[in-house]
């Protein structure tokens, strides 16, 4: 495995630790621990940390190390609002390219998410909901739009906004019902309602419950 691949491995490992709540906002990243956990040298881990700092996921504090970036409630809400509109637009663009076999895949994903919610498997749910949205985003022909979505997803690691929320799995069940409605609207080519649903789907309100 070459150095670039090892750095990418470390990059994604750190993102996952943030996404699943193992590294919380403001927490210092244990560089030596990552080296040990992944069984790789310090150099690719350091490259990953520097790239994450460049991507605004981490903050590099001189002589202290790397820390997970913290976000205020307003910034979280603003990020979710922007993503909702961008994701809704990507879905509208994707509708003409969706076929029945695509709907079958998306429906299976929602069934899988129901199971993860029932079993309180946040990590599996989080992975699957990302795949759900990425599935139709890949069919969107507007590449600048997809780049903007990727930037927001990468910088904010959005699942962390919800993981400590009260009534987490009740919130996820509501979210997955939205996914099911999205499929119905896509299948019916009801793009106005689809855009409206997705733009609200990303609303960040759970901390106020």
C-alpha atoms as a PDB file:
ATOM      1  CA  UNK A   1       0.000   0.000   0.000  1.00  0.00           C
ATOM      2  CA  UNK A   2       1.558   3.329  -1.018  1.00  0.00           C
ATOM      3  CA  UNK A   3       1.893   6.423   1.149  1.00  0.00           C
ATOM      4  CA  UNK A   4      -0.997   8.294  -0.493  1.00  0.00           C
ATOM      5  CA  UNK A   5      -3.329   5.368   0.140  1.00  0.00           C
ATOM      6  CA  UNK A   6      -2.239   5.158   3.778  1.00  0.00           C
ATOM      7  CA  UNK A   7      -2.882   8.878   4.208  1.00  0.00           C
ATOM      8  CA  UNK A   8      -6.358   8.437   2.699  1.00  0.00           C
ATOM      9  CA  UNK A   9      -6.978   5.519   5.060  1.00  0.00           C
ATOM     10  CA  UNK A  10      -6.047   7.691   8.034  1.00  0.00           C
ATOM     11  CA  UNK A  11      -8.168  10.560   6.674  1.00  0.00           C
ATOM     12  CA  UNK A  12     -11.297   8.433   6.428  1.00  0.00           C
ATOM     13  CA  UNK A  13     -10.636   6.781   9.775  1.00  0.00           C
ATOM     14  CA  UNK A  14     -10.581  10.176  11.510  1.00  0.00           C
ATOM     15  CA  UNK A  15     -13.738  11.279   9.683  1.00  0.00           C
ATOM     16  CA  UNK A  16     -15.482   8.121  10.877  1.00  0.00           C
ATOM     17  CA  UNK A  17     -14.377   8.720  14.464  1.00  0.00           C
ATOM     18  CA  UNK A  18     -15.920  12.184  14.274  1.00  0.00           C
ATOM     19  CA  UNK A  19     -19.038  10.975  12.475  1.00  0.00           C
ATOM     20  CA  UNK A  20     -19.799   8.276  15.035  1.00  0.00           C
ATOM     21  CA  UNK A  21     -19.223  10.525  18.030  1.00  0.00           C
ATOM     22  CA  UNK A  22     -15.938   8.988  19.187  1.00  0.00           C
ATOM     23  CA  UNK A  23     -14.212  12.322  18.540  1.00  0.00           C
ATOM     24  CA  UNK A  24     -16.437  15.165  19.680  1.00  0.00           C
ATOM     25  CA  UNK A  25     -16.231  18.867  18.889  1.00  0.00           C
ATOM     26  CA  UNK A  26     -13.261  20.521  20.579  1.00  0.00           C
ATOM     27  CA  UNK A  27     -11.550  17.184  21.281  1.00  0.00           C
ATOM     28  CA  UNK A  28      -7.830  16.813  20.619  1.00  0.00           C
ATOM     29  CA  UNK A  29      -6.979  14.149  18.058  1.00  0.00           C
ATOM     30  CA  UNK A  30      -4.716  11.438  19.477  1.00  0.00           C
ATOM     31  CA  UNK A  31      -2.132  11.208  16.695  1.00  0.00           C
ATOM     32  CA  UNK A  32      -0.120   8.431  18.371  1.00  0.00           C
ATOM     33  CA  UNK A  33      -3.294   6.467  19.035  1.00  0.00           C
ATOM     34  CA  UNK A  34      -4.243   6.573  15.347  1.00  0.00           C
ATOM     35  CA  UNK A  35      -0.763   5.393  14.371  1.00  0.00           C
ATOM     36  CA  UNK A  36      -1.151   2.446  16.730  1.00  0.00           C
ATOM     37  CA  UNK A  37      -4.756   1.686  15.792  1.00  0.00           C
ATOM     38  CA  UNK A  38      -4.077   1.639  12.039  1.00  0.00           C
ATOM     39  CA  UNK A  39      -0.618   0.084  12.299  1.00  0.00           C
ATOM     40  CA  UNK A  40       0.968   2.662  10.009  1.00  0.00           C
ATOM     41  CA  UNK A  41       3.758   5.204  10.384  1.00  0.00           C
ATOM     42  CA  UNK A  42       3.311   8.729  11.690  1.00  0.00           C
ATOM     43  CA  UNK A  43       3.962  10.357   8.287  1.00  0.00           C
ATOM     44  CA  UNK A  44       0.681   9.402   6.526  1.00  0.00           C
ATOM     45  CA  UNK A  45      -1.271  10.156   9.697  1.00  0.00           C
ATOM     46  CA  UNK A  46       0.284  13.614   9.837  1.00  0.00           C
ATOM     47  CA  UNK A  47      -0.567  14.109   6.130  1.00  0.00           C
ATOM     48  CA  UNK A  48      -4.176  13.178   6.863  1.00  0.00           C
ATOM     49  CA  UNK A  49      -4.335  15.583   9.803  1.00  0.00           C
ATOM     50  CA  UNK A  50      -2.934  18.428   7.729  1.00  0.00           C
ATOM     51  CA  UNK A  51      -5.428  17.711   4.935  1.00  0.00           C
ATOM     52  CA  UNK A  52      -8.319  17.638   7.415  1.00  0.00           C
ATOM     53  CA  UNK A  53      -7.147  20.980   8.769  1.00  0.00           C
ATOM     54  CA  UNK A  54      -7.001  22.308   5.210  1.00  0.00           C
ATOM     55  CA  UNK A  55     -10.566  21.034   4.700  1.00  0.00           C
ATOM     56  CA  UNK A  56     -11.646  22.904   7.885  1.00  0.00           C
ATOM     57  CA  UNK A  57     -12.633  19.699   9.656  1.00  0.00           C
ATOM     58  CA  UNK A  58      -9.822  20.081  12.210  1.00  0.00           C
ATOM     59  CA  UNK A  59      -8.070  23.067  13.740  1.00  0.00           C
ATOM     60  CA  UNK A  60      -4.258  22.971  13.871  1.00  0.00           C
ATOM     61  CA  UNK A  61      -3.146  24.735  17.060  1.00  0.00           C
ATOM     62  CA  UNK A  62       0.559  25.530  17.150  1.00  0.00           C
ATOM     63  CA  UNK A  63       2.499  23.389  19.662  1.00  0.00           C
ATOM     64  CA  UNK A  64      -0.730  21.834  20.922  1.00  0.00           C
ATOM     65  CA  UNK A  65      -1.934  19.591  18.098  1.00  0.00           C
ATOM     66  CA  UNK A  66      -5.085  19.057  16.071  1.00  0.00           C
ATOM     67  CA  UNK A  67      -8.577  19.560  17.455  1.00  0.00           C
ATOM     68  CA  UNK A  68     -12.020  18.744  16.053  1.00  0.00           C
ATOM     69  CA  UNK A  69     -13.595  21.986  14.926  1.00  0.00           C
ATOM     70  CA  UNK A  70     -16.502  23.240  17.043  1.00  0.00           C
ATOM     71  CA  UNK A  71     -19.605  24.812  15.543  1.00  0.00           C
ATOM     72  CA  UNK A  72     -22.240  26.999  17.159  1.00  0.00           C
ATOM     73  CA  UNK A  73     -25.945  26.231  16.850  1.00  0.00           C
ATOM     74  CA  UNK A  74     -26.478  28.983  14.284  1.00  0.00           C
ATOM     75  CA  UNK A  75     -23.649  27.772  12.056  1.00  0.00           C
ATOM     76  CA  UNK A  76     -24.972  24.209  12.257  1.00  0.00           C
ATOM     77  CA  UNK A  77     -28.457  25.400  11.356  1.00  0.00           C
ATOM     78  CA  UNK A  78     -27.129  27.516   8.495  1.00  0.00           C
ATOM     79  CA  UNK A  79     -25.075  24.599   7.126  1.00  0.00           C
ATOM     80  CA  UNK A  80     -28.102  22.302   7.217  1.00  0.00           C
ATOM     81  CA  UNK A  81     -30.278  24.927   5.527  1.00  0.00           C
ATOM     82  CA  UNK A  82     -27.789  25.353   2.683  1.00  0.00           C
ATOM     83  CA  UNK A  83     -27.346  21.599   2.279  1.00  0.00           C
ATOM     84  CA  UNK A  84     -31.101  21.085   2.227  1.00  0.00           C
ATOM     85  CA  UNK A  85     -31.536  23.422  -0.728  1.00  0.00           C
ATOM     86  CA  UNK A  86     -28.525  22.016  -2.599  1.00  0.00           C
ATOM     87  CA  UNK A  87     -29.580  18.415  -2.002  1.00  0.00           C
ATOM     88  CA  UNK A  88     -33.135  19.203  -3.042  1.00  0.00           C
ATOM     89  CA  UNK A  89     -31.893  20.726  -6.262  1.00  0.00           C
ATOM     90  CA  UNK A  90     -29.669  17.709  -6.948  1.00  0.00           C
ATOM     91  CA  UNK A  91     -32.678  15.409  -6.508  1.00  0.00           C
ATOM     92  CA  UNK A  92     -34.731  17.465  -8.966  1.00  0.00           C
ATOM     93  CA  UNK A  93     -31.901  17.231 -11.497  1.00  0.00           C
ATOM     94  CA  UNK A  94     -31.650  13.475 -10.929  1.00  0.00           C
ATOM     95  CA  UNK A  95     -35.347  12.618 -11.375  1.00  0.00           C
ATOM     96  CA  UNK A  96     -35.253  12.242 -15.198  1.00  0.00           C
ATOM     97  CA  UNK A  97     -32.439   9.702 -14.853  1.00  0.00           C
ATOM     98  CA  UNK A  98     -34.024   7.492 -12.182  1.00  0.00           C
ATOM     99  CA  UNK A  99     -35.390   4.144 -13.366  1.00  0.00           C
ATOM    100  CA  UNK A 100     -37.516   1.546 -11.613  1.00  0.00           C
ATOM    101  CA  UNK A 101     -34.451  -0.456 -10.627  1.00  0.00           C
ATOM    102  CA  UNK A 102     -33.074   2.670  -8.952  1.00  0.00           C
ATOM    103  CA  UNK A 103     -36.262   3.087  -6.935  1.00  0.00           C
ATOM    104  CA  UNK A 104     -35.968  -0.552  -5.853  1.00  0.00           C
ATOM    105  CA  UNK A 105     -32.451   0.117  -4.542  1.00  0.00           C
ATOM    106  CA  UNK A 106     -33.570   3.245  -2.690  1.00  0.00           C
ATOM    107  CA  UNK A 107     -36.553   1.420  -1.181  1.00  0.00           C
ATOM    108  CA  UNK A 108     -34.303  -1.362   0.079  1.00  0.00           C
ATOM    109  CA  UNK A 109     -32.097   1.264   1.722  1.00  0.00           C
ATOM    110  CA  UNK A 110     -35.079   2.678   3.633  1.00  0.00           C
ATOM    111  CA  UNK A 111     -36.007  -0.820   4.795  1.00  0.00           C
ATOM    112  CA  UNK A 112     -32.453  -1.358   5.993  1.00  0.00           C
ATOM    113  CA  UNK A 113     -32.564   1.967   7.828  1.00  0.00           C
ATOM    114  CA  UNK A 114     -35.781   0.941   9.578  1.00  0.00           C
ATOM    115  CA  UNK A 115     -33.928  -2.103  10.883  1.00  0.00           C
ATOM    116  CA  UNK A 116     -30.962  -0.054  12.061  1.00  0.00           C
ATOM    117  CA  UNK A 117     -33.298   2.325  13.887  1.00  0.00           C
ATOM    118  CA  UNK A 118     -35.106  -0.554  15.593  1.00  0.00           C
ATOM    119  CA  UNK A 119     -31.788  -2.028  16.725  1.00  0.00           C
ATOM    120  CA  UNK A 120     -30.338   1.366  17.734  1.00  0.00           C
ATOM    121  CA  UNK A 121     -27.441   0.982  15.305  1.00  0.00           C
ATOM    122  CA  UNK A 122     -26.535   4.599  14.677  1.00  0.00           C
ATOM    123  CA  UNK A 123     -23.328   3.881  12.755  1.00  0.00           C
ATOM    124  CA  UNK A 124     -25.079   1.624  10.263  1.00  0.00           C
ATOM    125  CA  UNK A 125     -27.968   4.052   9.911  1.00  0.00           C
ATOM    126  CA  UNK A 126     -25.589   6.963   9.348  1.00  0.00           C
ATOM    127  CA  UNK A 127     -23.699   5.076   6.641  1.00  0.00           C
ATOM    128  CA  UNK A 128     -26.890   4.017   4.875  1.00  0.00           C
ATOM    129  CA  UNK A 129     -28.509   7.446   4.905  1.00  0.00           C
ATOM    130  CA  UNK A 130     -25.356   8.863   3.322  1.00  0.00           C
ATOM    131  CA  UNK A 131     -25.541   6.195   0.625  1.00  0.00           C
ATOM    132  CA  UNK A 132     -29.231   7.007   0.073  1.00  0.00           C
ATOM    133  CA  UNK A 133     -28.566  10.663  -0.677  1.00  0.00           C
ATOM    134  CA  UNK A 134     -25.362   9.934  -2.600  1.00  0.00           C
ATOM    135  CA  UNK A 135     -27.249   7.494  -4.834  1.00  0.00           C
ATOM    136  CA  UNK A 136     -29.389  10.117  -6.539  1.00  0.00           C
ATOM    137  CA  UNK A 137     -26.746  12.830  -6.227  1.00  0.00           C
ATOM    138  CA  UNK A 138     -24.498  10.732  -8.486  1.00  0.00           C
ATOM    139  CA  UNK A 139     -27.168  10.954 -11.201  1.00  0.00           C
ATOM    140  CA  UNK A 140     -27.306  14.740 -10.981  1.00  0.00           C
ATOM    141  CA  UNK A 141     -25.584  16.159 -14.107  1.00  0.00           C
ATOM    142  CA  UNK A 142     -24.645  19.450 -12.400  1.00  0.00           C
ATOM    143  CA  UNK A 143     -21.039  18.930 -11.254  1.00  0.00           C
ATOM    144  CA  UNK A 144     -20.491  22.306  -9.505  1.00  0.00           C
ATOM    145  CA  UNK A 145     -23.606  21.589  -7.449  1.00  0.00           C
ATOM    146  CA  UNK A 146     -22.256  18.186  -6.420  1.00  0.00           C
ATOM    147  CA  UNK A 147     -18.924  19.744  -5.483  1.00  0.00           C
ATOM    148  CA  UNK A 148     -20.678  22.208  -3.181  1.00  0.00           C
ATOM    149  CA  UNK A 149     -22.607  19.382  -1.502  1.00  0.00           C
ATOM    150  CA  UNK A 150     -19.397  17.422  -1.033  1.00  0.00           C
ATOM    151  CA  UNK A 151     -17.687  20.432   0.541  1.00  0.00           C
ATOM    152  CA  UNK A 152     -20.450  20.975   3.103  1.00  0.00           C
ATOM    153  CA  UNK A 153     -20.673  17.282   3.964  1.00  0.00           C
ATOM    154  CA  UNK A 154     -16.911  17.077   4.408  1.00  0.00           C
ATOM    155  CA  UNK A 155     -16.434  20.249   6.425  1.00  0.00           C
ATOM    156  CA  UNK A 156     -19.326  19.835   8.833  1.00  0.00           C
ATOM    157  CA  UNK A 157     -19.566  16.012   9.218  1.00  0.00           C
ATOM    158  CA  UNK A 158     -23.303  16.534   9.661  1.00  0.00           C
ATOM    159  CA  UNK A 159     -24.197  13.328  11.493  1.00  0.00           C
ATOM    160  CA  UNK A 160     -22.369  14.656  14.543  1.00  0.00           C
ATOM    161  CA  UNK A 161     -25.022  17.361  14.858  1.00  0.00           C
ATOM    162  CA  UNK A 162     -27.604  14.742  15.809  1.00  0.00           C
ATOM    163  CA  UNK A 163     -25.842  11.916  17.612  1.00  0.00           C
ATOM    164  CA  UNK A 164     -26.272  13.358  21.126  1.00  0.00           C
ATOM    165  CA  UNK A 165     -29.784  14.658  20.522  1.00  0.00           C
ATOM    166  CA  UNK A 166     -32.638  13.729  22.875  1.00  0.00           C
ATOM    167  CA  UNK A 167     -34.910  11.061  21.386  1.00  0.00           C
ATOM    168  CA  UNK A 168     -32.322  10.333  18.676  1.00  0.00           C
ATOM    169  CA  UNK A 169     -34.024   7.259  17.227  1.00  0.00           C
ATOM    170  CA  UNK A 170     -37.436   8.928  17.161  1.00  0.00           C
ATOM    171  CA  UNK A 171     -35.816  11.691  15.117  1.00  0.00           C
ATOM    172  CA  UNK A 172     -34.175   9.147  12.799  1.00  0.00           C
ATOM    173  CA  UNK A 173     -37.523   7.393  12.257  1.00  0.00           C
ATOM    174  CA  UNK A 174     -39.067  10.698  11.153  1.00  0.00           C
ATOM    175  CA  UNK A 175     -36.068  11.293   8.897  1.00  0.00           C
ATOM    176  CA  UNK A 176     -36.424   7.869   7.295  1.00  0.00           C
ATOM    177  CA  UNK A 177     -40.124   8.487   6.670  1.00  0.00           C
ATOM    178  CA  UNK A 178     -38.943  11.519   4.704  1.00  0.00           C
ATOM    179  CA  UNK A 179     -36.708   9.222   2.650  1.00  0.00           C
ATOM    180  CA  UNK A 180     -39.728   7.072   1.778  1.00  0.00           C
ATOM    181  CA  UNK A 181     -41.738  10.143   0.741  1.00  0.00           C
ATOM    182  CA  UNK A 182     -38.827  11.307  -1.421  1.00  0.00           C
ATOM    183  CA  UNK A 183     -38.985   8.060  -3.389  1.00  0.00           C
ATOM    184  CA  UNK A 184     -42.743   8.491  -3.938  1.00  0.00           C
ATOM    185  CA  UNK A 185     -42.265  12.045  -5.183  1.00  0.00           C
ATOM    186  CA  UNK A 186     -39.355  11.067  -7.426  1.00  0.00           C
ATOM    187  CA  UNK A 187     -41.385   8.243  -8.930  1.00  0.00           C
ATOM    188  CA  UNK A 188     -44.322  10.583  -9.513  1.00  0.00           C
ATOM    189  CA  UNK A 189     -42.086  13.310 -10.984  1.00  0.00           C
ATOM    190  CA  UNK A 190     -43.438  15.770  -8.406  1.00  0.00           C
ATOM    191  CA  UNK A 191     -40.294  17.868  -8.368  1.00  0.00           C
ATOM    192  CA  UNK A 192     -41.707  20.958  -6.625  1.00  0.00           C
ATOM    193  CA  UNK A 193     -42.885  18.918  -3.643  1.00  0.00           C
ATOM    194  CA  UNK A 194     -39.643  16.900  -3.724  1.00  0.00           C
ATOM    195  CA  UNK A 195     -37.515  20.031  -3.508  1.00  0.00           C
ATOM    196  CA  UNK A 196     -39.647  21.398  -0.680  1.00  0.00           C
ATOM    197  CA  UNK A 197     -39.463  18.151   1.309  1.00  0.00           C
ATOM    198  CA  UNK A 198     -35.688  17.758   0.999  1.00  0.00           C
ATOM    199  CA  UNK A 199     -34.970  21.401   1.788  1.00  0.00           C
ATOM    200  CA  UNK A 200     -36.834  20.919   5.091  1.00  0.00           C
ATOM    201  CA  UNK A 201     -35.486  17.386   5.664  1.00  0.00           C
ATOM    202  CA  UNK A 202     -32.072  18.743   6.659  1.00  0.00           C
ATOM    203  CA  UNK A 203     -33.479  21.177   9.222  1.00  0.00           C
ATOM    204  CA  UNK A 204     -31.347  21.301  12.357  1.00  0.00           C
ATOM    205  CA  UNK A 205     -33.756  21.487  15.294  1.00  0.00           C
ATOM    206  CA  UNK A 206     -33.136  18.381  17.391  1.00  0.00           C
ATOM    207  CA  UNK A 207     -30.952  20.122  19.988  1.00  0.00           C
ATOM    208  CA  UNK A 208     -33.930  22.266  20.912  1.00  0.00           C
ATOM    209  CA  UNK A 209     -36.195  19.263  21.650  1.00  0.00           C
END
